[in-house]
PDB file of N, CA and C in Angstrom:
ATOM      1  N   MET A   1     118.843  -4.287-152.464  1.00  0.00           N
ATOM      2  CA  MET A   1     120.277  -4.227-152.529  1.00  0.00           C
ATOM      3  C   MET A   1     120.859  -5.306-151.632  1.00  0.00           C
ATOM      4  N   PRO A   2     121.426  -6.317-152.221  1.00  0.00           N
ATOM      5  CA  PRO A   2     121.911  -7.445-151.417  1.00  0.00           C
ATOM      6  C   PRO A   2     123.027  -7.079-150.455  1.00  0.00           C
ATOM      7  N   TRP A   3     123.820  -6.057-150.753  1.00  0.00           N
ATOM      8  CA  TRP A   3     124.925  -5.709-149.870  1.00  0.00           C
ATOM      9  C   TRP A   3     124.448  -5.046-148.586  1.00  0.00           C
ATOM     10  N   LEU A   4     123.182  -4.656-148.514  1.00  0.00           N
ATOM     11  CA  LEU A   4     122.650  -4.049-147.294  1.00  0.00           C
ATOM     12  C   LEU A   4     122.146  -5.084-146.304  1.00  0.00           C
ATOM     13  N   HIS A   5     121.949  -6.312-146.758  1.00  0.00           N
ATOM     14  CA  HIS A   5     121.421  -7.339-145.873  1.00  0.00           C
ATOM     15  C   HIS A   5     122.494  -7.802-144.909  1.00  0.00           C
ATOM     16  N   PRO A   6     122.164  -7.802-143.617  1.00  0.00           N
ATOM     17  CA  PRO A   6     123.167  -8.248-142.640  1.00  0.00           C
ATOM     18  C   PRO A   6     123.543  -9.706-142.863  1.00  0.00           C
ATOM     19  N   GLY A   7     124.766  -9.979-142.723  1.00  0.00           N
ATOM     20  CA  GLY A   7     125.294 -11.315-142.834  1.00  0.00           C
ATOM     21  C   GLY A   7     126.554 -11.384-142.002  1.00  0.00           C
ATOM     22  N   PRO A   8     127.370 -12.392-142.198  1.00  0.00           N
ATOM     23  CA  PRO A   8     128.576 -12.520-141.389  1.00  0.00           C
ATOM     24  C   PRO A   8     129.485 -11.294-141.454  1.00  0.00           C
ATOM     25  N   LEU A   9     129.550 -10.637-142.613  1.00  0.00           N
ATOM     26  CA  LEU A   9     130.404  -9.461-142.752  1.00  0.00           C
ATOM     27  C   LEU A   9     129.607  -8.210-143.098  1.00  0.00           C
ATOM     28  N   GLY A  10     128.303  -8.246-142.957  1.00  0.00           N
ATOM     29  CA  GLY A  10     127.497  -7.103-143.379  1.00  0.00           C
ATOM     30  C   GLY A  10     126.682  -6.467-142.286  1.00  0.00           C
ATOM     31  N   GLY A  11     127.021  -6.737-141.041  1.00  0.00           N
ATOM     32  CA  GLY A  11     126.250  -6.171-139.951  1.00  0.00           C
ATOM     33  C   GLY A  11     126.591  -4.714-139.687  1.00  0.00           C
ATOM     34  N   THR A  12     125.842  -4.136-138.777  1.00  0.00           N
ATOM     35  CA  THR A  12     126.014  -2.737-138.419  1.00  0.00           C
ATOM     36  C   THR A  12     127.410  -2.453-137.901  1.00  0.00           C
ATOM     37  N   THR A  13     127.968  -3.335-137.113  1.00  0.00           N
ATOM     38  CA  THR A  13     129.299  -3.113-136.547  1.00  0.00           C
ATOM     39  C   THR A  13     130.340  -2.991-137.651  1.00  0.00           C
ATOM     40  N   VAL A  14     130.275  -3.853-138.635  1.00  0.00           N
ATOM     41  CA  VAL A  14     131.236  -3.817-139.737  1.00  0.00           C
ATOM     42  C   VAL A  14     131.032  -2.552-140.560  1.00  0.00           C
ATOM     43  N   ARG A  15     129.791  -2.241-140.886  1.00  0.00           N
ATOM     44  CA  ARG A  15     129.504  -1.029-141.667  1.00  0.00           C
ATOM     45  C   ARG A  15     130.018   0.212-140.949  1.00  0.00           C
ATOM     46  N   ASP A  16     129.771   0.286-139.629  1.00  0.00           N
ATOM     47  CA  ASP A  16     130.232   1.435-138.850  1.00  0.00           C
ATOM     48  C   ASP A  16     131.757   1.531-138.862  1.00  0.00           C
ATOM     49  N   GLY A  17     132.429   0.402-138.760  1.00  0.00           N
ATOM     50  CA  GLY A  17     133.887   0.396-138.785  1.00  0.00           C
ATOM     51  C   GLY A  17     134.439   0.828-140.126  1.00  0.00           C
ATOM     52  N   VAL A  18     133.825   0.360-141.196  1.00  0.00           N
ATOM     53  CA  VAL A  18     134.264   0.748-142.544  1.00  0.00           C
ATOM     54  C   VAL A  18     134.013   2.237-142.756  1.00  0.00           C
ATOM     55  N   GLU A  19     132.855   2.714-142.331  1.00  0.00           N
ATOM     56  CA  GLU A  19     132.543   4.137-142.472  1.00  0.00           C
ATOM     57  C   GLU A  19     133.574   4.995-141.735  1.00  0.00           C
ATOM     58  N   GLN A  20     133.905   4.627-140.526  1.00  0.00           N
ATOM     59  CA  GLN A  20     134.888   5.378-139.748  1.00  0.00           C
ATOM     60  C   GLN A  20     136.259   5.344-140.422  1.00  0.00           C
ATOM     61  N   GLY A  21     136.672   4.178-140.898  1.00  0.00           N
ATOM     62  CA  GLY A  21     137.956   4.056-141.569  1.00  0.00           C
ATOM     63  C   GLY A  21     138.033   4.901-142.827  1.00  0.00           C
ATOM     64  N   VAL A  22     136.978   4.884-143.615  1.00  0.00           N
ATOM     65  CA  VAL A  22     136.952   5.669-144.849  1.00  0.00           C
ATOM     66  C   VAL A  22     137.009   7.159-144.513  1.00  0.00           C
ATOM     67  N   ARG A  23     136.240   7.583-143.526  1.00  0.00           N
ATOM     68  CA  ARG A  23     136.262   9.005-143.136  1.00  0.00           C
ATOM     69  C   ARG A  23     137.662   9.433-142.703  1.00  0.00           C
ATOM     70  N   GLU A  24     138.300   8.623-141.878  1.00  0.00           N
ATOM     71  CA  GLU A  24     139.632   8.970-141.385  1.00  0.00           C
ATOM     72  C   GLU A  24     140.648   9.047-142.521  1.00  0.00           C
ATOM     73  N   HIS A  25     140.677   8.046-143.369  1.00  0.00           N
ATOM     74  CA  HIS A  25     141.654   8.004-144.452  1.00  0.00           C
ATOM     75  C   HIS A  25     141.354   9.045-145.528  1.00  0.00           C
ATOM     76  N   LEU A  26     140.089   9.216-145.864  1.00  0.00           N
ATOM     77  CA  LEU A  26     139.735  10.221-146.859  1.00  0.00           C
ATOM     78  C   LEU A  26     140.039  11.615-146.324  1.00  0.00           C
ATOM     79  N   GLY A  27     139.689  11.866-145.082  1.00  0.00           N
ATOM     80  CA  GLY A  27     139.987  13.166-144.488  1.00  0.00           C
ATOM     81  C   GLY A  27     141.481  13.449-144.465  1.00  0.00           C
ATOM     82  N   SER A  28     142.261  12.445-144.140  1.00  0.00           N
ATOM     83  CA  SER A  28     143.715  12.592-144.130  1.00  0.00           C
ATOM     84  C   SER A  28     144.238  12.886-145.534  1.00  0.00           C
ATOM     85  N   TRP A  29     143.738  12.171-146.518  1.00  0.00           N
ATOM     86  CA  TRP A  29     144.169  12.399-147.896  1.00  0.00           C
ATOM     87  C   TRP A  29     143.791  13.811-148.345  1.00  0.00           C
ATOM     88  N   LEU A  30     142.570  14.240-148.034  1.00  0.00           N
ATOM     89  CA  LEU A  30     142.133  15.579-148.419  1.00  0.00           C
ATOM     90  C   LEU A  30     143.030  16.642-147.801  1.00  0.00           C
ATOM     91  N   ASP A  31     143.420  16.442-146.550  1.00  0.00           N
ATOM     92  CA  ASP A  31     144.315  17.391-145.870  1.00  0.00           C
ATOM     93  C   ASP A  31     145.701  17.423-146.509  1.00  0.00           C
ATOM     94  N   ARG A  32     146.210  16.277-146.917  1.00  0.00           N
ATOM     95  CA  ARG A  32     147.565  16.194-147.479  1.00  0.00           C
ATOM     96  C   ARG A  32     147.641  16.651-148.929  1.00  0.00           C
ATOM     97  N   HIS A  33     146.526  16.642-149.640  1.00  0.00           N
ATOM     98  CA  HIS A  33     146.506  16.973-151.067  1.00  0.00           C
ATOM     99  C   HIS A  33     145.417  18.016-151.350  1.00  0.00           C
ATOM    100  N   PRO A  34     145.558  19.227-150.830  1.00  0.00           N
ATOM    101  CA  PRO A  34     144.467  20.204-150.943  1.00  0.00           C
ATOM    102  C   PRO A  34     144.097  20.582-152.376  1.00  0.00           C
ATOM    103  N   GLU A  35     145.078  20.678-153.284  1.00  0.00           N
ATOM    104  CA  GLU A  35     144.728  21.047-154.660  1.00  0.00           C
ATOM    105  C   GLU A  35     143.971  19.925-155.362  1.00  0.00           C
ATOM    106  N   ARG A  36     144.468  18.712-155.198  1.00  0.00           N
ATOM    107  CA  ARG A  36     143.769  17.564-155.807  1.00  0.00           C
ATOM    108  C   ARG A  36     142.414  17.370-155.156  1.00  0.00           C
ATOM    109  N   ALA A  37     142.338  17.615-153.848  1.00  0.00           N
ATOM    110  CA  ALA A  37     141.066  17.488-153.142  1.00  0.00           C
ATOM    111  C   ALA A  37     140.048  18.481-153.683  1.00  0.00           C
ATOM    112  N   ALA A  38     140.482  19.736-153.877  1.00  0.00           N
ATOM    113  CA  ALA A  38     139.569  20.757-154.398  1.00  0.00           C
ATOM    114  C   ALA A  38     139.079  20.383-155.788  1.00  0.00           C
ATOM    115  N   ALA A  39     139.977  19.881-156.627  1.00  0.00           N
ATOM    116  CA  ALA A  39     139.580  19.483-157.979  1.00  0.00           C
ATOM    117  C   ALA A  39     138.601  18.311-157.939  1.00  0.00           C
ATOM    118  N   THR A  40     138.880  17.346-157.072  1.00  0.00           N
ATOM    119  CA  THR A  40     138.012  16.168-156.959  1.00  0.00           C
ATOM    120  C   THR A  40     136.631  16.555-156.441  1.00  0.00           C
ATOM    121  N   ILE A  41     136.602  17.339-155.377  1.00  0.00           N
ATOM    122  CA  ILE A  41     135.315  17.770-154.815  1.00  0.00           C
ATOM    123  C   ILE A  41     134.567  18.636-155.824  1.00  0.00           C
ATOM    124  N   GLY A  42     135.297  19.477-156.555  1.00  0.00           N
ATOM    125  CA  GLY A  42     134.667  20.289-157.590  1.00  0.00           C
ATOM    126  C   GLY A  42     134.007  19.449-158.669  1.00  0.00           C
ATOM    127  N   ARG A  43     134.685  18.393-159.093  1.00  0.00           N
ATOM    128  CA  ARG A  43     134.090  17.496-160.101  1.00  0.00           C
ATOM    129  C   ARG A  43     132.860  16.800-159.542  1.00  0.00           C
ATOM    130  N   ILE A  44     132.946  16.366-158.296  1.00  0.00           N
ATOM    131  CA  ILE A  44     131.804  15.661-157.690  1.00  0.00           C
ATOM    132  C   ILE A  44     130.603  16.593-157.604  1.00  0.00           C
ATOM    133  N   THR A  45     130.818  17.798-157.094  1.00  0.00           N
ATOM    134  CA  THR A  45     129.683  18.716-156.935  1.00  0.00           C
ATOM    135  C   THR A  45     129.167  19.199-158.284  1.00  0.00           C
ATOM    136  N   ARG A  46     130.057  19.409-159.245  1.00  0.00           N
ATOM    137  CA  ARG A  46     129.623  19.831-160.582  1.00  0.00           C
ATOM    138  C   ARG A  46     128.793  18.732-161.236  1.00  0.00           C
ATOM    139  N   ASP A  47     129.248  17.486-161.102  1.00  0.00           N
ATOM    140  CA  ASP A  47     128.555  16.368-161.745  1.00  0.00           C
ATOM    141  C   ASP A  47     127.216  16.061-161.077  1.00  0.00           C
ATOM    142  N   THR A  48     127.018  16.501-159.841  1.00  0.00           N
ATOM    143  CA  THR A  48     125.749  16.230-159.175  1.00  0.00           C
ATOM    144  C   THR A  48     124.830  17.436-159.182  1.00  0.00           C
ATOM    145  N   ASP A  49     125.301  18.587-159.710  1.00  0.00           N
ATOM    146  CA  ASP A  49     124.497  19.799-159.776  1.00  0.00           C
ATOM    147  C   ASP A  49     123.801  19.846-161.126  1.00  0.00           C
ATOM    148  N   PRO A  50     122.474  19.694-161.155  1.00  0.00           N
ATOM    149  CA  PRO A  50     121.756  19.671-162.442  1.00  0.00           C
ATOM    150  C   PRO A  50     121.926  20.958-163.232  1.00  0.00           C
ATOM    151  N   ASP A  51     122.197  22.093-162.572  1.00  0.00           N
ATOM    152  CA  ASP A  51     122.368  23.358-163.291  1.00  0.00           C
ATOM    153  C   ASP A  51     123.698  23.430-164.027  1.00  0.00           C
ATOM    154  N   GLU A  52     124.660  22.574-163.665  1.00  0.00           N
ATOM    155  CA  GLU A  52     125.990  22.595-164.267  1.00  0.00           C
ATOM    156  C   GLU A  52     126.127  21.590-165.410  1.00  0.00           C
ATOM    157  N   ARG A  53     125.096  20.855-165.729  1.00  0.00           N
ATOM    158  CA  ARG A  53     125.199  19.826-166.769  1.00  0.00           C
ATOM    159  C   ARG A  53     124.956  20.398-168.128  1.00  0.00           C
TER     160      ARG A  53
END
């Protein structure tokens, strides 16, 4: 996977910063939109559960 190779913008520091930013913004969105969040998480878990396919 070429995007995993460290480079000018692909090092651990950048990845950690992006991960933190995504967690913060996604968590905030989930808190502000609980019904849409439940539907989205439900679709994700249903689509990844082999018993639900």
